[in-house]
Amino acid sequence: MTKFQIVHNPRCSKSRDALAILKEHGIEPEIIEYLNGGLNRELLLKIIETLNIHPKEMVRTKEEEFQALKIDLNNSQDVIKALLDHPKLLERPIVLKGNKAVIGRPPENVLSLID
């Protein structure tokens, strides 16, 4: 069985809901608390590649912190650096399973990874 990982913020209701859905299906994912140092460049690049998206699609642009930083969303390297320096800006939750991943907004998106 391919292991599941969830990039998780326990204070976020969507993240908690996505984790609950996984557990309801008997899945105990590896929990990566990205706000507590769990996010590194290697993991972030893996997420971007697996989701097959531009990094800007993972940014919470409504956060005050984002507005203050004035990030060029079209510059992938600037976005990656901003997400690593300010992980609060990362859209969450993100669930990975092998070579597949989804952003759990809405949390039911994780169902697409469950066989």
PDB file of N, CA and C in Angstrom:
ATOM      1  N   MET A   1       0.843  -1.191   0.000  1.00  0.00           N
ATOM      2  CA  MET A   1       0.000   0.000   0.000  1.00  0.00           C
ATOM      3  C   MET A   1       0.884   1.249   0.000  1.00  0.00           C
ATOM      4  N   THR A   2       0.595   2.166  -0.877  1.00  0.00           N
ATOM      5  CA  THR A   2       1.334   3.421  -0.951  1.00  0.00           C
ATOM      6  C   THR A   2       0.969   4.290   0.237  1.00  0.00           C
ATOM      7  N   LYS A   3       1.993   4.878   0.839  1.00  0.00           N
ATOM      8  CA  LYS A   3       1.717   5.667   2.034  1.00  0.00           C
ATOM      9  C   LYS A   3       1.155   7.039   1.664  1.00  0.00           C
ATOM     10  N   PHE A   4       0.326   7.515   2.534  1.00  0.00           N
ATOM     11  CA  PHE A   4      -0.254   8.844   2.408  1.00  0.00           C
ATOM     12  C   PHE A   4       0.533   9.808   3.286  1.00  0.00           C
ATOM     13  N   GLN A   5       0.622  11.050   2.837  1.00  0.00           N
ATOM     14  CA  GLN A   5       1.174  12.137   3.640  1.00  0.00           C
ATOM     15  C   GLN A   5       0.173  13.283   3.577  1.00  0.00           C
ATOM     16  N   ILE A   6       0.053  14.008   4.677  1.00  0.00           N
ATOM     17  CA  ILE A   6      -0.788  15.194   4.676  1.00  0.00           C
ATOM     18  C   ILE A   6       0.032  16.360   5.217  1.00  0.00           C
ATOM     19  N   VAL A   7       0.089  17.412   4.421  1.00  0.00           N
ATOM     20  CA  VAL A   7       0.722  18.652   4.840  1.00  0.00           C
ATOM     21  C   VAL A   7      -0.382  19.391   5.587  1.00  0.00           C
ATOM     22  N   HIS A   8      -0.220  19.470   6.893  1.00  0.00           N
ATOM     23  CA  HIS A   8      -1.335  19.699   7.800  1.00  0.00           C
ATOM     24  C   HIS A   8      -1.099  20.860   8.749  1.00  0.00           C
ATOM     25  N   ASN A   9      -2.181  21.588   8.992  1.00  0.00           N
ATOM     26  CA  ASN A   9      -2.216  22.603  10.046  1.00  0.00           C
ATOM     27  C   ASN A   9      -3.363  22.212  10.965  1.00  0.00           C
ATOM     28  N   PRO A  10      -3.062  21.733  12.168  1.00  0.00           N
ATOM     29  CA  PRO A  10      -4.132  21.272  13.062  1.00  0.00           C
ATOM     30  C   PRO A  10      -5.106  22.372  13.479  1.00  0.00           C
ATOM     31  N   ARG A  11      -4.750  23.629  13.275  1.00  0.00           N
ATOM     32  CA  ARG A  11      -5.653  24.721  13.632  1.00  0.00           C
ATOM     33  C   ARG A  11      -6.618  25.069  12.492  1.00  0.00           C
ATOM     34  N   CYS A  12      -6.426  24.468  11.335  1.00  0.00           N
ATOM     35  CA  CYS A  12      -7.259  24.750  10.153  1.00  0.00           C
ATOM     36  C   CYS A  12      -8.377  23.713  10.054  1.00  0.00           C
ATOM     37  N   SER A  13      -9.609  24.179   9.986  1.00  0.00           N
ATOM     38  CA  SER A  13     -10.744  23.248   9.929  1.00  0.00           C
ATOM     39  C   SER A  13     -10.721  22.396   8.662  1.00  0.00           C
ATOM     40  N   LYS A  14     -10.332  22.964   7.537  1.00  0.00           N
ATOM     41  CA  LYS A  14     -10.280  22.186   6.285  1.00  0.00           C
ATOM     42  C   LYS A  14      -9.230  21.081   6.396  1.00  0.00           C
ATOM     43  N   SER A  15      -8.123  21.420   7.023  1.00  0.00           N
ATOM     44  CA  SER A  15      -7.061  20.437   7.207  1.00  0.00           C
ATOM     45  C   SER A  15      -7.518  19.320   8.148  1.00  0.00           C
ATOM     46  N   ARG A  16      -8.155  19.691   9.227  1.00  0.00           N
ATOM     47  CA  ARG A  16      -8.694  18.684  10.160  1.00  0.00           C
ATOM     48  C   ARG A  16      -9.734  17.806   9.468  1.00  0.00           C
ATOM     49  N   ASP A  17     -10.584  18.417   8.655  1.00  0.00           N
ATOM     50  CA  ASP A  17     -11.622  17.658   7.942  1.00  0.00           C
ATOM     51  C   ASP A  17     -11.003  16.668   6.950  1.00  0.00           C
ATOM     52  N   ALA A  18      -9.973  17.098   6.234  1.00  0.00           N
ATOM     53  CA  ALA A  18      -9.309  16.204   5.275  1.00  0.00           C
ATOM     54  C   ALA A  18      -8.665  15.029   6.006  1.00  0.00           C
ATOM     55  N   LEU A  19      -8.018  15.310   7.134  1.00  0.00           N
ATOM     56  CA  LEU A  19      -7.415  14.246   7.929  1.00  0.00           C
ATOM     57  C   LEU A  19      -8.492  13.282   8.431  1.00  0.00           C
ATOM     58  N   ALA A  20      -9.623  13.811   8.858  1.00  0.00           N
ATOM     59  CA  ALA A  20     -10.719  12.963   9.339  1.00  0.00           C
ATOM     60  C   ALA A  20     -11.235  12.047   8.226  1.00  0.00           C
ATOM     61  N   ILE A  21     -11.338  12.573   7.018  1.00  0.00           N
ATOM     62  CA  ILE A  21     -11.791  11.744   5.888  1.00  0.00           C
ATOM     63  C   ILE A  21     -10.819  10.591   5.663  1.00  0.00           C
ATOM     64  N   LEU A  22      -9.539  10.891   5.690  1.00  0.00           N
ATOM     65  CA  LEU A  22      -8.553   9.820   5.512  1.00  0.00           C
ATOM     66  C   LEU A  22      -8.709   8.764   6.597  1.00  0.00           C
ATOM     67  N   LYS A  23      -8.819   9.204   7.839  1.00  0.00           N
ATOM     68  CA  LYS A  23      -8.931   8.259   8.953  1.00  0.00           C
ATOM     69  C   LYS A  23     -10.224   7.447   8.882  1.00  0.00           C
ATOM     70  N   GLU A  24     -11.305   8.069   8.407  1.00  0.00           N
ATOM     71  CA  GLU A  24     -12.572   7.352   8.243  1.00  0.00           C
ATOM     72  C   GLU A  24     -12.435   6.207   7.243  1.00  0.00           C
ATOM     73  N   HIS A  25     -11.467   6.330   6.342  1.00  0.00           N
ATOM     74  CA  HIS A  25     -11.227   5.297   5.338  1.00  0.00           C
ATOM     75  C   HIS A  25     -10.081   4.374   5.761  1.00  0.00           C
ATOM     76  N   GLY A  26      -9.736   4.407   7.045  1.00  0.00           N
ATOM     77  CA  GLY A  26      -8.717   3.508   7.570  1.00  0.00           C
ATOM     78  C   GLY A  26      -7.293   3.898   7.218  1.00  0.00           C
ATOM     79  N   ILE A  27      -7.095   5.139   6.821  1.00  0.00           N
ATOM     80  CA  ILE A  27      -5.771   5.603   6.419  1.00  0.00           C
ATOM     81  C   ILE A  27      -5.163   6.432   7.543  1.00  0.00           C
ATOM     82  N   GLU A  28      -3.972   6.047   7.963  1.00  0.00           N
ATOM     83  CA  GLU A  28      -3.209   6.798   8.962  1.00  0.00           C
ATOM     84  C   GLU A  28      -2.036   7.443   8.242  1.00  0.00           C
ATOM     85  N   PRO A  29      -2.223   8.656   7.745  1.00  0.00           N
ATOM     86  CA  PRO A  29      -1.160   9.283   6.952  1.00  0.00           C
ATOM     87  C   PRO A  29      -0.006   9.775   7.815  1.00  0.00           C
ATOM     88  N   GLU A  30       1.128   9.954   7.174  1.00  0.00           N
ATOM     89  CA  GLU A  30       2.221  10.677   7.819  1.00  0.00           C
ATOM     90  C   GLU A  30       1.780  12.131   7.878  1.00  0.00           C
ATOM     91  N   ILE A  31       1.801  12.709   9.051  1.00  0.00           N
ATOM     92  CA  ILE A  31       1.354  14.092   9.224  1.00  0.00           C
ATOM     93  C   ILE A  31       2.575  15.006   9.221  1.00  0.00           C
ATOM     94  N   ILE A  32       2.561  15.953   8.296  1.00  0.00           N
ATOM     95  CA  ILE A  32       3.647  16.920   8.189  1.00  0.00           C
ATOM     96  C   ILE A  32       3.095  18.266   8.626  1.00  0.00           C
ATOM     97  N   GLU A  33       3.473  18.669   9.818  1.00  0.00           N
ATOM     98  CA  GLU A  33       3.024  19.971  10.323  1.00  0.00           C
ATOM     99  C   GLU A  33       3.968  21.036   9.773  1.00  0.00           C
ATOM    100  N   TYR A  34       3.582  21.585   8.648  1.00  0.00           N
ATOM    101  CA  TYR A  34       4.461  22.484   7.911  1.00  0.00           C
ATOM    102  C   TYR A  34       4.763  23.781   8.643  1.00  0.00           C
ATOM    103  N   LEU A  35       3.915  24.194   9.573  1.00  0.00           N
ATOM    104  CA  LEU A  35       4.186  25.427  10.322  1.00  0.00           C
ATOM    105  C   LEU A  35       5.210  25.209  11.432  1.00  0.00           C
ATOM    106  N   ASN A  36       5.482  23.950  11.746  1.00  0.00           N
ATOM    107  CA  ASN A  36       6.436  23.618  12.802  1.00  0.00           C
ATOM    108  C   ASN A  36       7.728  23.053  12.225  1.00  0.00           C
ATOM    109  N   GLY A  37       8.138  23.557  11.088  1.00  0.00           N
ATOM    110  CA  GLY A  37       9.401  23.142  10.501  1.00  0.00           C
ATOM    111  C   GLY A  37       9.327  21.947   9.585  1.00  0.00           C
ATOM    112  N   GLY A  38       8.136  21.441   9.304  1.00  0.00           N
ATOM    113  CA  GLY A  38       7.993  20.262   8.458  1.00  0.00           C
ATOM    114  C   GLY A  38       8.121  20.526   6.974  1.00  0.00           C
ATOM    115  N   LEU A  39       8.136  21.798   6.586  1.00  0.00           N
ATOM    116  CA  LEU A  39       8.222  22.135   5.163  1.00  0.00           C
ATOM    117  C   LEU A  39       9.662  22.509   4.837  1.00  0.00           C
ATOM    118  N   ASN A  40      10.221  21.806   3.866  1.00  0.00           N
ATOM    119  CA  ASN A  40      11.551  22.150   3.385  1.00  0.00           C
ATOM    120  C   ASN A  40      11.505  22.236   1.860  1.00  0.00           C
ATOM    121  N   ARG A  41      12.600  22.690   1.286  1.00  0.00           N
ATOM    122  CA  ARG A  41      12.642  22.911  -0.159  1.00  0.00           C
ATOM    123  C   ARG A  41      12.354  21.617  -0.930  1.00  0.00           C
ATOM    124  N   GLU A  42      12.948  20.518  -0.496  1.00  0.00           N
ATOM    125  CA  GLU A  42      12.759  19.243  -1.183  1.00  0.00           C
ATOM    126  C   GLU A  42      11.284  18.841  -1.203  1.00  0.00           C
ATOM    127  N   LEU A  43      10.621  18.934  -0.061  1.00  0.00           N
ATOM    128  CA  LEU A  43       9.200  18.586   0.005  1.00  0.00           C
ATOM    129  C   LEU A  43       8.362  19.540  -0.828  1.00  0.00           C
ATOM    130  N   LEU A  44       8.643  20.828  -0.733  1.00  0.00           N
ATOM    131  CA  LEU A  44       7.864  21.802  -1.498  1.00  0.00           C
ATOM    132  C   LEU A  44       7.990  21.551  -2.995  1.00  0.00           C
ATOM    133  N   LEU A  45       9.201  21.280  -3.475  1.00  0.00           N
ATOM    134  CA  LEU A  45       9.392  20.996  -4.897  1.00  0.00           C
ATOM    135  C   LEU A  45       8.689  19.709  -5.304  1.00  0.00           C
ATOM    136  N   LYS A  46       8.691  18.717  -4.418  1.00  0.00           N
ATOM    137  CA  LYS A  46       7.969  17.463  -4.696  1.00  0.00           C
ATOM    138  C   LYS A  46       6.475  17.737  -4.821  1.00  0.00           C
ATOM    139  N   ILE A  47       5.938  18.558  -3.935  1.00  0.00           N
ATOM    140  CA  ILE A  47       4.508  18.891  -3.978  1.00  0.00           C
ATOM    141  C   ILE A  47       4.166  19.590  -5.292  1.00  0.00           C
ATOM    142  N   ILE A  48       4.968  20.570  -5.652  1.00  0.00           N
ATOM    143  CA  ILE A  48       4.720  21.328  -6.888  1.00  0.00           C
ATOM    144  C   ILE A  48       4.744  20.395  -8.087  1.00  0.00           C
ATOM    145  N   GLU A  49       5.749  19.528  -8.135  1.00  0.00           N
ATOM    146  CA  GLU A  49       5.869  18.595  -9.257  1.00  0.00           C
ATOM    147  C   GLU A  49       4.702  17.606  -9.284  1.00  0.00           C
ATOM    148  N   THR A  50       4.351  17.081  -8.118  1.00  0.00           N
ATOM    149  CA  THR A  50       3.285  16.075  -8.062  1.00  0.00           C
ATOM    150  C   THR A  50       1.930  16.679  -8.404  1.00  0.00           C
ATOM    151  N   LEU A  51       1.681  17.893  -7.925  1.00  0.00           N
ATOM    152  CA  LEU A  51       0.423  18.562  -8.262  1.00  0.00           C
ATOM    153  C   LEU A  51       0.409  19.043  -9.712  1.00  0.00           C
ATOM    154  N   ASN A  52       1.610  19.186 -10.288  1.00  0.00           N
ATOM    155  CA  ASN A  52       1.763  19.679 -11.659  1.00  0.00           C
ATOM    156  C   ASN A  52       1.101  21.052 -11.828  1.00  0.00           C
ATOM    157  N   ILE A  53       1.476  21.959 -10.913  1.00  0.00           N
ATOM    158  CA  ILE A  53       0.933  23.310 -10.936  1.00  0.00           C
ATOM    159  C   ILE A  53       2.060  24.327 -10.825  1.00  0.00           C
ATOM    160  N   HIS A  54       1.738  25.564 -11.144  1.00  0.00           N
ATOM    161  CA  HIS A  54       2.661  26.669 -10.911  1.00  0.00           C
ATOM    162  C   HIS A  54       2.626  26.967  -9.419  1.00  0.00           C
ATOM    163  N   PRO A  55       3.766  27.259  -8.816  1.00  0.00           N
ATOM    164  CA  PRO A  55       3.790  27.526  -7.374  1.00  0.00           C
ATOM    165  C   PRO A  55       2.773  28.567  -6.900  1.00  0.00           C
ATOM    166  N   LYS A  56       2.446  29.523  -7.738  1.00  0.00           N
ATOM    167  CA  LYS A  56       1.501  30.570  -7.318  1.00  0.00           C
ATOM    168  C   LYS A  56       0.123  30.006  -6.980  1.00  0.00           C
ATOM    169  N   GLU A  57      -0.200  28.820  -7.507  1.00  0.00           N
ATOM    170  CA  GLU A  57      -1.495  28.205  -7.236  1.00  0.00           C
ATOM    171  C   GLU A  57      -1.588  27.628  -5.829  1.00  0.00           C
ATOM    172  N   MET A  58      -0.465  27.659  -5.096  1.00  0.00           N
ATOM    173  CA  MET A  58      -0.440  27.140  -3.728  1.00  0.00           C
ATOM    174  C   MET A  58      -0.348  28.260  -2.700  1.00  0.00           C
ATOM    175  N   VAL A  59      -0.502  29.498  -3.134  1.00  0.00           N
ATOM    176  CA  VAL A  59      -0.326  30.641  -2.238  1.00  0.00           C
ATOM    177  C   VAL A  59      -1.675  31.154  -1.758  1.00  0.00           C
ATOM    178  N   ARG A  60      -1.748  31.380  -0.456  1.00  0.00           N
ATOM    179  CA  ARG A  60      -2.943  31.969   0.150  1.00  0.00           C
ATOM    180  C   ARG A  60      -2.825  33.488  -0.001  1.00  0.00           C
ATOM    181  N   THR A  61      -3.339  34.003  -1.084  1.00  0.00           N
ATOM    182  CA  THR A  61      -3.152  35.412  -1.428  1.00  0.00           C
ATOM    183  C   THR A  61      -3.983  36.372  -0.584  1.00  0.00           C
ATOM    184  N   LYS A  62      -4.933  35.851   0.172  1.00  0.00           N
ATOM    185  CA  LYS A  62      -5.753  36.735   1.002  1.00  0.00           C
ATOM    186  C   LYS A  62      -5.142  37.007   2.370  1.00  0.00           C
ATOM    187  N   GLU A  63      -4.049  36.325   2.678  1.00  0.00           N
ATOM    188  CA  GLU A  63      -3.372  36.543   3.956  1.00  0.00           C
ATOM    189  C   GLU A  63      -2.727  37.931   3.973  1.00  0.00           C
ATOM    190  N   GLU A  64      -2.822  38.611   5.102  1.00  0.00           N
ATOM    191  CA  GLU A  64      -2.193  39.927   5.246  1.00  0.00           C
ATOM    192  C   GLU A  64      -0.698  39.857   4.962  1.00  0.00           C
ATOM    193  N   GLU A  65      -0.091  38.789   5.424  1.00  0.00           N
ATOM    194  CA  GLU A  65       1.343  38.592   5.221  1.00  0.00           C
ATOM    195  C   GLU A  65       1.697  38.599   3.734  1.00  0.00           C
ATOM    196  N   PHE A  66       0.855  37.983   2.915  1.00  0.00           N
ATOM    197  CA  PHE A  66       1.093  37.971   1.474  1.00  0.00           C
ATOM    198  C   PHE A  66       1.053  39.392   0.925  1.00  0.00           C
ATOM    199  N   GLN A  67       0.046  40.150   1.319  1.00  0.00           N
ATOM    200  CA  GLN A  67      -0.094  41.519   0.826  1.00  0.00           C
ATOM    201  C   GLN A  67       1.144  42.354   1.164  1.00  0.00           C
ATOM    202  N   ALA A  68       1.669  42.164   2.364  1.00  0.00           N
ATOM    203  CA  ALA A  68       2.820  42.942   2.822  1.00  0.00           C
ATOM    204  C   ALA A  68       4.098  42.576   2.071  1.00  0.00           C
ATOM    205  N   LEU A  69       4.211  41.336   1.620  1.00  0.00           N
ATOM    206  CA  LEU A  69       5.448  40.873   0.990  1.00  0.00           C
ATOM    207  C   LEU A  69       5.610  41.314  -0.455  1.00  0.00           C
ATOM    208  N   LYS A  70       4.523  41.609  -1.128  1.00  0.00           N
ATOM    209  CA  LYS A  70       4.564  42.043  -2.534  1.00  0.00           C
ATOM    210  C   LYS A  70       5.351  41.045  -3.408  1.00  0.00           C
ATOM    211  N   ILE A  71       4.944  39.810  -3.347  1.00  0.00           N
ATOM    212  CA  ILE A  71       5.596  38.731  -4.087  1.00  0.00           C
ATOM    213  C   ILE A  71       5.173  38.776  -5.555  1.00  0.00           C
ATOM    214  N   ASP A  72       6.147  38.586  -6.450  1.00  0.00           N
ATOM    215  CA  ASP A  72       5.847  38.463  -7.876  1.00  0.00           C
ATOM    216  C   ASP A  72       5.373  37.024  -8.111  1.00  0.00           C
ATOM    217  N   LEU A  73       4.070  36.837  -8.218  1.00  0.00           N
ATOM    218  CA  LEU A  73       3.508  35.495  -8.353  1.00  0.00           C
ATOM    219  C   LEU A  73       3.920  34.789  -9.638  1.00  0.00           C
ATOM    220  N   ASN A  74       4.379  35.538 -10.615  1.00  0.00           N
ATOM    221  CA  ASN A  74       4.786  34.910 -11.873  1.00  0.00           C
ATOM    222  C   ASN A  74       6.223  34.415 -11.841  1.00  0.00           C
ATOM    223  N   ASN A  75       6.954  34.754 -10.784  1.00  0.00           N
ATOM    224  CA  ASN A  75       8.333  34.308 -10.631  1.00  0.00           C
ATOM    225  C   ASN A  75       8.350  33.100  -9.693  1.00  0.00           C
ATOM    226  N   SER A  76       8.483  31.917 -10.260  1.00  0.00           N
ATOM    227  CA  SER A  76       8.413  30.676  -9.484  1.00  0.00           C
ATOM    228  C   SER A  76       9.399  30.667  -8.322  1.00  0.00           C
ATOM    229  N   GLN A  77      10.620  31.099  -8.564  1.00  0.00           N
ATOM    230  CA  GLN A  77      11.630  31.066  -7.508  1.00  0.00           C
ATOM    231  C   GLN A  77      11.277  32.005  -6.360  1.00  0.00           C
ATOM    232  N   ASP A  78      10.712  33.178  -6.681  1.00  0.00           N
ATOM    233  CA  ASP A  78      10.282  34.106  -5.635  1.00  0.00           C
ATOM    234  C   ASP A  78       9.153  33.501  -4.799  1.00  0.00           C
ATOM    235  N   VAL A  79       8.236  32.820  -5.470  1.00  0.00           N
ATOM    236  CA  VAL A  79       7.107  32.198  -4.777  1.00  0.00           C
ATOM    237  C   VAL A  79       7.600  31.072  -3.871  1.00  0.00           C
ATOM    238  N   ILE A  80       8.484  30.237  -4.380  1.00  0.00           N
ATOM    239  CA  ILE A  80       9.028  29.134  -3.584  1.00  0.00           C
ATOM    240  C   ILE A  80       9.752  29.680  -2.362  1.00  0.00           C
ATOM    241  N   LYS A  81      10.567  30.693  -2.550  1.00  0.00           N
ATOM    242  CA  LYS A  81      11.293  31.299  -1.420  1.00  0.00           C
ATOM    243  C   LYS A  81      10.312  31.866  -0.402  1.00  0.00           C
ATOM    244  N   ALA A  82       9.278  32.545  -0.880  1.00  0.00           N
ATOM    245  CA  ALA A  82       8.280  33.123   0.031  1.00  0.00           C
ATOM    246  C   ALA A  82       7.565  32.029   0.816  1.00  0.00           C
ATOM    247  N   LEU A  83       7.219  30.922   0.165  1.00  0.00           N
ATOM    248  CA  LEU A  83       6.535  29.830   0.864  1.00  0.00           C
ATOM    249  C   LEU A  83       7.440  29.189   1.913  1.00  0.00           C
ATOM    250  N   LEU A  84       8.723  29.082   1.612  1.00  0.00           N
ATOM    251  CA  LEU A  84       9.655  28.507   2.582  1.00  0.00           C
ATOM    252  C   LEU A  84       9.904  29.455   3.751  1.00  0.00           C
ATOM    253  N   ASP A  85       9.990  30.750   3.449  1.00  0.00           N
ATOM    254  CA  ASP A  85      10.236  31.746   4.490  1.00  0.00           C
ATOM    255  C   ASP A  85       8.983  32.062   5.300  1.00  0.00           C
ATOM    256  N   HIS A  86       7.817  31.894   4.670  1.00  0.00           N
ATOM    257  CA  HIS A  86       6.536  32.243   5.295  1.00  0.00           C
ATOM    258  C   HIS A  86       5.532  31.108   5.029  1.00  0.00           C
ATOM    259  N   PRO A  87       5.726  29.956   5.669  1.00  0.00           N
ATOM    260  CA  PRO A  87       4.884  28.790   5.367  1.00  0.00           C
ATOM    261  C   PRO A  87       3.392  29.007   5.622  1.00  0.00           C
ATOM    262  N   LYS A  88       3.058  30.019   6.398  1.00  0.00           N
ATOM    263  CA  LYS A  88       1.643  30.332   6.625  1.00  0.00           C
ATOM    264  C   LYS A  88       0.922  30.608   5.297  1.00  0.00           C
ATOM    265  N   LEU A  89       1.681  30.997   4.283  1.00  0.00           N
ATOM    266  CA  LEU A  89       1.088  31.337   2.986  1.00  0.00           C
ATOM    267  C   LEU A  89       0.749  30.111   2.144  1.00  0.00           C
ATOM    268  N   LEU A  90       1.160  28.936   2.583  1.00  0.00           N
ATOM    269  CA  LEU A  90       0.906  27.718   1.814  1.00  0.00           C
ATOM    270  C   LEU A  90      -0.551  27.307   1.922  1.00  0.00           C
ATOM    271  N   GLU A  91      -1.158  27.064   0.781  1.00  0.00           N
ATOM    272  CA  GLU A  91      -2.533  26.539   0.765  1.00  0.00           C
ATOM    273  C   GLU A  91      -2.511  25.168   1.421  1.00  0.00           C
ATOM    274  N   ARG A  92      -3.524  24.876   2.189  1.00  0.00           N
ATOM    275  CA  ARG A  92      -3.572  23.607   2.906  1.00  0.00           C
ATOM    276  C   ARG A  92      -5.002  23.121   2.993  1.00  0.00           C
ATOM    277  N   PRO A  93      -5.124  21.848   3.278  1.00  0.00           N
ATOM    278  CA  PRO A  93      -4.106  20.815   3.376  1.00  0.00           C
ATOM    279  C   PRO A  93      -3.706  20.313   1.997  1.00  0.00           C
ATOM    280  N   ILE A  94      -2.571  19.673   1.940  1.00  0.00           N
ATOM    281  CA  ILE A  94      -2.131  19.001   0.718  1.00  0.00           C
ATOM    282  C   ILE A  94      -1.927  17.544   1.092  1.00  0.00           C
ATOM    283  N   VAL A  95      -2.530  16.660   0.331  1.00  0.00           N
ATOM    284  CA  VAL A  95      -2.401  15.230   0.584  1.00  0.00           C
ATOM    285  C   VAL A  95      -1.672  14.606  -0.591  1.00  0.00           C
ATOM    286  N   LEU A  96      -0.653  13.822  -0.253  1.00  0.00           N
ATOM    287  CA  LEU A  96       0.147  13.127  -1.256  1.00  0.00           C
ATOM    288  C   LEU A  96       0.000  11.623  -1.081  1.00  0.00           C
ATOM    289  N   LYS A  97      -0.032  10.944  -2.206  1.00  0.00           N
ATOM    290  CA  LYS A  97      -0.046   9.471  -2.224  1.00  0.00           C
ATOM    291  C   LYS A  97       0.750   9.048  -3.448  1.00  0.00           C
ATOM    292  N   GLY A  98       1.963   8.602  -3.223  1.00  0.00           N
ATOM    293  CA  GLY A  98       2.813   8.200  -4.341  1.00  0.00           C
ATOM    294  C   GLY A  98       3.050   9.351  -5.289  1.00  0.00           C
ATOM    295  N   ASN A  99       2.689   9.134  -6.558  1.00  0.00           N
ATOM    296  CA  ASN A  99       2.897  10.175  -7.566  1.00  0.00           C
ATOM    297  C   ASN A  99       1.629  10.994  -7.817  1.00  0.00           C
ATOM    298  N   LYS A 100       0.734  11.015  -6.833  1.00  0.00           N
ATOM    299  CA  LYS A 100      -0.498  11.797  -6.927  1.00  0.00           C
ATOM    300  C   LYS A 100      -0.603  12.718  -5.718  1.00  0.00           C
ATOM    301  N   ALA A 101      -1.290  13.832  -5.911  1.00  0.00           N
ATOM    302  CA  ALA A 101      -1.502  14.771  -4.803  1.00  0.00           C
ATOM    303  C   ALA A 101      -2.726  15.624  -5.113  1.00  0.00           C
ATOM    304  N   VAL A 102      -3.326  16.131  -4.048  1.00  0.00           N
ATOM    305  CA  VAL A 102      -4.440  17.072  -4.183  1.00  0.00           C
ATOM    306  C   VAL A 102      -4.337  18.114  -3.083  1.00  0.00           C
ATOM    307  N   ILE A 103      -4.865  19.282  -3.380  1.00  0.00           N
ATOM    308  CA  ILE A 103      -5.075  20.292  -2.349  1.00  0.00           C
ATOM    309  C   ILE A 103      -6.468  20.031  -1.802  1.00  0.00           C
ATOM    310  N   GLY A 104      -6.571  19.883  -0.514  1.00  0.00           N
ATOM    311  CA  GLY A 104      -7.835  19.500   0.124  1.00  0.00           C
ATOM    312  C   GLY A 104      -8.776  20.659   0.358  1.00  0.00           C
ATOM    313  N   ARG A 105      -9.057  21.391  -0.664  1.00  0.00           N
ATOM    314  CA  ARG A 105     -10.047  22.471  -0.616  1.00  0.00           C
ATOM    315  C   ARG A 105     -10.978  22.272  -1.789  1.00  0.00           C
ATOM    316  N   PRO A 106     -12.117  21.730  -1.573  1.00  0.00           N
ATOM    317  CA  PRO A 106     -12.691  21.286  -0.303  1.00  0.00           C
ATOM    318  C   PRO A 106     -12.033  19.991   0.161  1.00  0.00           C
ATOM    319  N   PRO A 107     -12.189  19.664   1.445  1.00  0.00           N
ATOM    320  CA  PRO A 107     -11.552  18.465   1.995  1.00  0.00           C
ATOM    321  C   PRO A 107     -11.897  17.188   1.236  1.00  0.00           C
ATOM    322  N   GLU A 108     -13.080  17.136   0.642  1.00  0.00           N
ATOM    323  CA  GLU A 108     -13.510  15.945  -0.099  1.00  0.00           C
ATOM    324  C   GLU A 108     -12.617  15.647  -1.300  1.00  0.00           C
ATOM    325  N   ASN A 109     -11.781  16.602  -1.704  1.00  0.00           N
ATOM    326  CA  ASN A 109     -10.843  16.336  -2.798  1.00  0.00           C
ATOM    327  C   ASN A 109      -9.946  15.143  -2.501  1.00  0.00           C
ATOM    328  N   VAL A 110      -9.698  14.874  -1.219  1.00  0.00           N
ATOM    329  CA  VAL A 110      -8.812  13.762  -0.857  1.00  0.00           C
ATOM    330  C   VAL A 110      -9.407  12.422  -1.256  1.00  0.00           C
ATOM    331  N   LEU A 111     -10.703  12.366  -1.430  1.00  0.00           N
ATOM    332  CA  LEU A 111     -11.350  11.104  -1.832  1.00  0.00           C
ATOM    333  C   LEU A 111     -10.817  10.602  -3.171  1.00  0.00           C
ATOM    334  N   SER A 112     -10.364  11.504  -4.033  1.00  0.00           N
ATOM    335  CA  SER A 112      -9.847  11.097  -5.337  1.00  0.00           C
ATOM    336  C   SER A 112      -8.552  10.276  -5.232  1.00  0.00           C
ATOM    337  N   LEU A 113      -7.893  10.320  -4.075  1.00  0.00           N
ATOM    338  CA  LEU A 113      -6.659   9.557  -3.873  1.00  0.00           C
ATOM    339  C   LEU A 113      -6.903   8.189  -3.241  1.00  0.00           C
ATOM    340  N   ILE A 114      -8.134   7.964  -2.793  1.00  0.00           N
ATOM    341  CA  ILE A 114      -8.457   6.721  -2.079  1.00  0.00           C
ATOM    342  C   ILE A 114      -8.992   5.702  -3.079  1.00  0.00           C
ATOM    343  N   ASP A 115      -8.342   4.547  -3.110  1.00  0.00           N
ATOM    344  CA  ASP A 115      -8.748   3.496  -4.057  1.00  0.00           C
ATOM    345  C   ASP A 115     -10.027   2.815  -3.632  1.00  0.00           C
TER     346      ASP A 115
END
